[in-house]
Amino acid sequence: MEGKMSDAVFRELVTAAARPYRACDRYAWHFAKGKLAGDPVFRHLLSRPLLPAQGRLLDLGCGQGVLTALLRAAAERHASGDWPADWPTPPTDLATRGVELSPRRVRIASTALGADAVSHGDIRETELPPSDAIVILDVLLYLNPAEQAAVLARCAEALAPGGLLLLREADAGGGLPFHVTRWAEQAACTARGQWRQILTYRPSAEWLLLLNGLGLTATALPMSQGTPFANTLFIARRSSDPDHFCPSSR
């Protein structure tokens, strides 16, 4: 019974989170609903005790800010007292800030969520403030290997002791599902007029090696449930010891 209730609550959360985008245009509204409902990572972030209850969350390459919209809807729902018993309490005092390269997506986020929700910037260059959690979902594939490593090193430095980095990328060792993932992304780039976009993928083991080499403790979790893709969520934490050595800061 709880599982069925959770399904119903999540559908209602998606509806509530997408509602602010109706002030933008129909595409932005439908995209928010489809992304939140169809991508398993968003339900996972609510149904598992991963995100901190308070502090600062930085969402890099956030698009139109749907994660922020979902977290706001979840906090409001929980405050009303109607929350699945088998889900952890959602973050109630977590300040979120998104960074997005596309001016159009920043404008959409500003209209739907407020002017301060998402700022325009390139994650390779923008300042990363001290953060309790950093989220990077399906973004680093657009960067070359050196840029990927540099962004992650800056994230490791920005994390507070005990801080959380959530990274999702396709597993280049994922067989046929990976090839489906790569083909779908190439098709999406072509549809956006970015047919010359170079995509950089790594096997899961290589992502883990990179994250652990930055002084983080990382694990990998398949995150493609209900889809034909080979996406993996990498859950990495910085030591809670403020004096813990981080190679990227040397």
Protein backbone atom coordinates (compact mmCIF):
# COMPACT_ATOMS: atom_id res chain seq x y z
CA MET A 1 0.00 0.00 0.00
CA GLU A 2 2.84 2.38 0.83
CA GLY A 3 4.41 1.79 -2.58
CA LYS A 4 1.17 2.69 -4.32
CA MET A 5 0.82 5.78 -2.17
CA SER A 6 4.40 6.75 -2.99
CA ASP A 7 3.65 6.44 -6.71
CA ALA A 8 0.62 8.67 -6.39
CA VAL A 9 2.46 11.23 -4.28
CA PHE A 10 5.36 11.37 -6.72
CA ARG A 11 3.01 11.98 -9.65
CA GLU A 12 1.43 14.82 -7.70
CA LEU A 13 4.87 16.20 -6.83
CA VAL A 14 5.82 16.21 -10.50
CA THR A 15 2.64 18.11 -11.33
CA ALA A 16 3.32 20.64 -8.58
CA ALA A 17 6.97 21.06 -9.54
CA ALA A 18 6.11 21.61 -13.22
CA ARG A 19 3.32 24.08 -12.52
CA PRO A 20 5.55 27.20 -12.28
CA TYR A 21 6.79 26.55 -15.82
CA ARG A 22 3.32 27.23 -17.22
CA ALA A 23 4.25 30.90 -16.90
CA CYS A 24 6.96 30.32 -19.51
CA ASP A 25 5.67 28.36 -22.49
CA ARG A 26 4.09 25.01 -23.21
CA TYR A 27 7.41 23.43 -24.17
CA ALA A 28 9.06 24.37 -20.86
CA TRP A 29 6.05 23.06 -18.94
CA HIS A 30 5.87 19.77 -20.83
CA PHE A 31 9.65 19.33 -20.62
CA ALA A 32 9.60 19.77 -16.83
CA LYS A 33 6.79 17.23 -16.43
CA GLY A 34 8.39 14.71 -18.77
CA LYS A 35 11.88 15.04 -17.33
CA LEU A 36 10.81 14.72 -13.71
CA ALA A 37 8.39 11.86 -14.35
CA GLY A 38 10.54 9.88 -16.77
CA ASP A 39 14.03 10.21 -15.34
CA PRO A 40 14.53 7.80 -12.41
CA VAL A 41 17.19 9.94 -10.74
CA PHE A 42 14.66 12.47 -9.43
CA ARG A 43 12.50 9.96 -7.60
CA HIS A 44 15.67 8.34 -6.27
CA LEU A 45 16.82 11.63 -4.75
CA LEU A 46 13.54 11.96 -2.85
CA SER A 47 13.10 8.34 -1.81
CA ARG A 48 16.63 7.87 -0.44
CA PRO A 49 18.36 9.85 2.34
CA LEU A 50 21.10 11.33 0.14
CA LEU A 51 20.69 15.09 0.07
CA PRO A 52 21.50 17.12 3.22
CA ALA A 53 18.60 18.65 5.10
CA GLN A 54 20.20 22.08 5.16
CA GLY A 55 23.12 24.07 3.82
CA ARG A 56 23.89 24.88 0.19
CA LEU A 57 23.26 22.75 -2.89
CA LEU A 58 24.92 23.65 -6.19
CA ASP A 59 23.35 22.22 -9.36
CA LEU A 60 25.86 22.51 -12.22
CA GLY A 61 24.52 22.45 -15.76
CA CYS A 62 21.03 22.55 -14.28
CA GLY A 63 19.06 23.33 -17.44
CA GLN A 64 15.82 25.06 -16.51
CA GLY A 65 16.18 24.13 -12.86
CA VAL A 66 13.79 21.20 -12.51
CA LEU A 67 15.64 19.75 -9.51
CA THR A 68 15.13 22.99 -7.60
CA ALA A 69 11.46 22.97 -8.57
CA LEU A 70 11.06 19.40 -7.33
CA LEU A 71 12.79 20.06 -4.01
CA ARG A 72 10.57 23.08 -3.42
CA ALA A 73 7.43 21.07 -4.17
CA ALA A 74 8.62 18.29 -1.86
CA ALA A 75 9.30 20.68 1.02
CA GLU A 76 5.84 22.21 0.64
CA ARG A 77 4.19 18.79 0.48
CA HIS A 78 6.01 17.57 3.57
CA ALA A 79 5.06 20.71 5.48
CA SER A 80 1.40 19.94 4.76
CA GLY A 81 1.79 16.59 6.57
CA ASP A 82 1.07 14.45 3.51
CA TRP A 83 4.28 12.51 2.92
CA PRO A 84 4.98 8.79 2.24
CA ALA A 85 5.96 6.96 5.43
CA ASP A 86 8.64 5.00 3.57
CA TRP A 87 10.42 8.14 2.29
CA PRO A 88 12.92 10.22 4.26
CA THR A 89 12.12 13.80 5.17
CA PRO A 90 12.97 15.98 2.16
CA PRO A 91 15.48 18.83 2.54
CA THR A 92 13.68 21.60 4.37
CA ASP A 93 16.41 24.23 4.70
CA LEU A 94 18.64 23.59 1.70
CA ALA A 95 19.49 26.67 -0.36
CA THR A 96 19.79 25.67 -4.01
CA ARG A 97 21.60 27.51 -6.75
CA GLY A 98 21.83 26.41 -10.38
CA VAL A 99 24.43 27.27 -12.99
CA GLU A 100 23.49 26.96 -16.66
CA LEU A 101 25.26 27.84 -19.90
CA SER A 102 22.16 28.29 -22.08
CA PRO A 103 20.71 31.83 -21.79
CA ARG A 104 17.29 30.56 -22.88
CA ARG A 105 17.17 27.97 -20.10
CA VAL A 106 18.30 30.56 -17.57
CA ARG A 107 15.45 32.84 -18.67
CA ILE A 108 12.96 29.99 -18.29
CA ALA A 109 14.25 29.18 -14.81
CA SER A 110 14.14 32.83 -13.78
CA THR A 111 10.53 33.16 -14.92
CA ALA A 112 9.41 29.94 -13.23
CA LEU A 113 11.52 29.90 -10.08
CA GLY A 114 12.73 33.45 -9.48
CA ALA A 115 15.69 35.52 -10.60
CA ASP A 116 18.11 33.99 -8.10
CA ALA A 117 17.37 30.33 -8.79
CA VAL A 118 19.72 29.85 -11.74
CA SER A 119 22.63 31.99 -12.89
CA HIS A 120 24.23 32.08 -16.31
CA GLY A 121 27.73 30.62 -16.38
CA ASP A 122 30.15 28.07 -17.74
CA ILE A 123 30.88 25.39 -15.14
CA ARG A 124 34.46 25.24 -16.38
CA GLU A 125 35.02 28.81 -15.23
CA THR A 126 32.32 29.96 -12.81
CA GLU A 127 33.23 30.33 -9.15
CA LEU A 128 32.08 27.41 -7.03
CA PRO A 129 31.12 28.60 -3.55
CA PRO A 130 31.55 26.35 -0.51
CA SER A 131 28.77 23.76 -0.80
CA ASP A 132 27.28 20.93 1.22
CA ALA A 133 26.13 19.15 -1.94
CA ILE A 134 26.96 19.46 -5.64
CA VAL A 135 24.86 17.81 -8.35
CA ILE A 136 26.01 17.28 -11.95
CA LEU A 137 23.53 15.30 -14.02
CA ASP A 138 24.41 14.33 -17.61
CA VAL A 139 26.67 17.33 -18.18
CA LEU A 140 30.32 16.29 -18.22
CA LEU A 141 29.93 14.30 -21.44
CA TYR A 142 30.05 17.66 -23.27
CA LEU A 143 33.55 18.38 -21.94
CA ASN A 144 36.88 16.89 -22.95
CA PRO A 145 38.70 14.60 -20.48
CA ALA A 146 40.96 17.34 -19.09
CA GLU A 147 37.99 19.65 -18.56
CA GLN A 148 36.02 16.88 -16.86
CA ALA A 149 38.86 16.24 -14.44
CA ALA A 150 39.33 19.96 -13.75
CA VAL A 151 35.64 20.54 -12.98
CA LEU A 152 35.54 17.59 -10.60
CA ALA A 153 38.71 18.76 -8.86
CA ARG A 154 37.13 22.18 -8.29
CA CYS A 155 34.00 20.49 -6.97
CA ALA A 156 36.05 18.42 -4.52
CA GLU A 157 37.67 21.60 -3.24
CA ALA A 158 34.33 23.40 -2.91
CA LEU A 159 32.69 20.63 -0.87
CA ALA A 160 32.42 21.16 2.86
CA PRO A 161 33.74 18.37 5.11
CA GLY A 162 31.29 15.50 4.77
CA GLY A 163 29.89 17.10 1.62
CA LEU A 164 28.20 15.14 -1.15
CA LEU A 165 28.89 15.09 -4.90
CA LEU A 166 26.27 13.42 -7.11
CA LEU A 167 27.46 12.82 -10.64
CA ARG A 168 25.51 11.00 -13.32
CA GLU A 169 27.05 9.94 -16.62
CA ALA A 170 26.65 7.10 -19.09
CA ASP A 171 28.82 4.04 -18.48
CA ALA A 172 30.98 3.57 -21.59
CA GLY A 173 31.38 -0.06 -20.57
CA GLY A 174 27.63 -0.59 -20.52
CA GLY A 175 27.35 -2.62 -23.75
CA LEU A 176 24.30 -2.17 -25.97
CA PRO A 177 22.49 0.21 -23.57
CA PHE A 178 25.52 2.50 -23.73
CA HIS A 179 25.40 2.54 -27.54
CA VAL A 180 21.69 3.41 -27.32
CA THR A 181 22.56 6.22 -24.89
CA ARG A 182 25.26 7.60 -27.16
CA TRP A 183 23.05 7.41 -30.25
CA ALA A 184 20.20 9.18 -28.47
CA GLU A 185 22.51 11.97 -27.29
CA GLN A 186 23.99 12.41 -30.75
CA ALA A 187 20.47 12.64 -32.17
CA ALA A 188 19.53 15.23 -29.55
CA CYS A 189 22.62 17.31 -30.34
CA THR A 190 21.78 17.19 -34.05
CA ALA A 191 18.20 18.29 -33.35
CA ARG A 192 19.58 21.30 -31.44
CA GLY A 193 21.84 22.19 -34.38
CA GLN A 194 24.94 21.02 -32.48
CA TRP A 195 25.85 18.20 -34.85
CA ARG A 196 29.58 18.90 -34.39
CA GLN A 197 29.40 18.48 -30.60
CA ILE A 198 32.06 16.07 -29.38
CA LEU A 199 30.86 13.73 -26.62
CA THR A 200 33.26 12.25 -24.08
CA TYR A 201 32.33 9.11 -22.17
CA ARG A 202 34.21 6.99 -19.62
CA PRO A 203 33.61 3.51 -18.18
CA SER A 204 32.24 3.52 -14.63
CA ALA A 205 35.52 2.19 -13.27
CA GLU A 206 37.34 5.19 -14.73
CA TRP A 207 34.89 7.67 -13.19
CA LEU A 208 35.35 5.98 -9.82
CA LEU A 209 39.12 6.11 -10.15
CA LEU A 210 38.95 9.81 -10.96
CA LEU A 211 36.65 10.63 -8.04
CA ASN A 212 38.56 8.55 -5.50
CA GLY A 213 41.78 10.14 -6.72
CA LEU A 214 40.39 13.53 -5.67
CA GLY A 215 40.15 12.40 -2.06
CA LEU A 216 36.46 11.49 -2.30
CA THR A 217 34.91 8.17 -1.37
CA ALA A 218 32.78 7.14 -4.34
CA THR A 219 30.37 4.36 -5.23
CA ALA A 220 28.46 3.67 -8.45
CA LEU A 221 24.75 2.93 -8.74
CA PRO A 222 22.91 2.07 -11.99
CA MET A 223 20.40 4.84 -12.68
CA SER A 224 18.48 3.92 -15.83
CA GLN A 225 15.48 2.11 -14.38
CA GLY A 226 12.62 2.07 -16.84
CA THR A 227 14.75 3.44 -19.68
CA PRO A 228 16.94 1.76 -22.34
CA PHE A 229 20.03 3.73 -21.31
CA ALA A 230 23.28 2.97 -19.46
CA ASN A 231 23.33 5.83 -16.98
CA THR A 232 25.15 5.51 -13.66
CA LEU A 233 24.87 7.68 -10.56
CA PHE A 234 28.19 8.20 -8.79
CA ILE A 235 27.77 9.04 -5.11
CA ALA A 236 30.94 10.64 -3.76
CA ARG A 237 31.59 12.12 -0.33
CA ARG A 238 34.35 14.22 1.07
CA SER A 239 35.75 13.13 4.41
CA SER A 240 34.11 14.73 7.44
CA ASP A 241 37.61 15.44 8.73
CA PRO A 242 38.39 19.06 7.73
CA ASP A 243 42.11 18.24 7.67
CA HIS A 244 41.67 15.24 5.34
CA PHE A 245 44.15 15.46 2.47
CA CYS A 246 42.63 16.21 -0.93
CA PRO A 247 45.13 15.78 -3.81
CA SER A 248 43.36 18.39 -5.94
CA SER A 249 44.17 21.13 -3.39
CA ARG A 250 47.92 20.57 -3.46
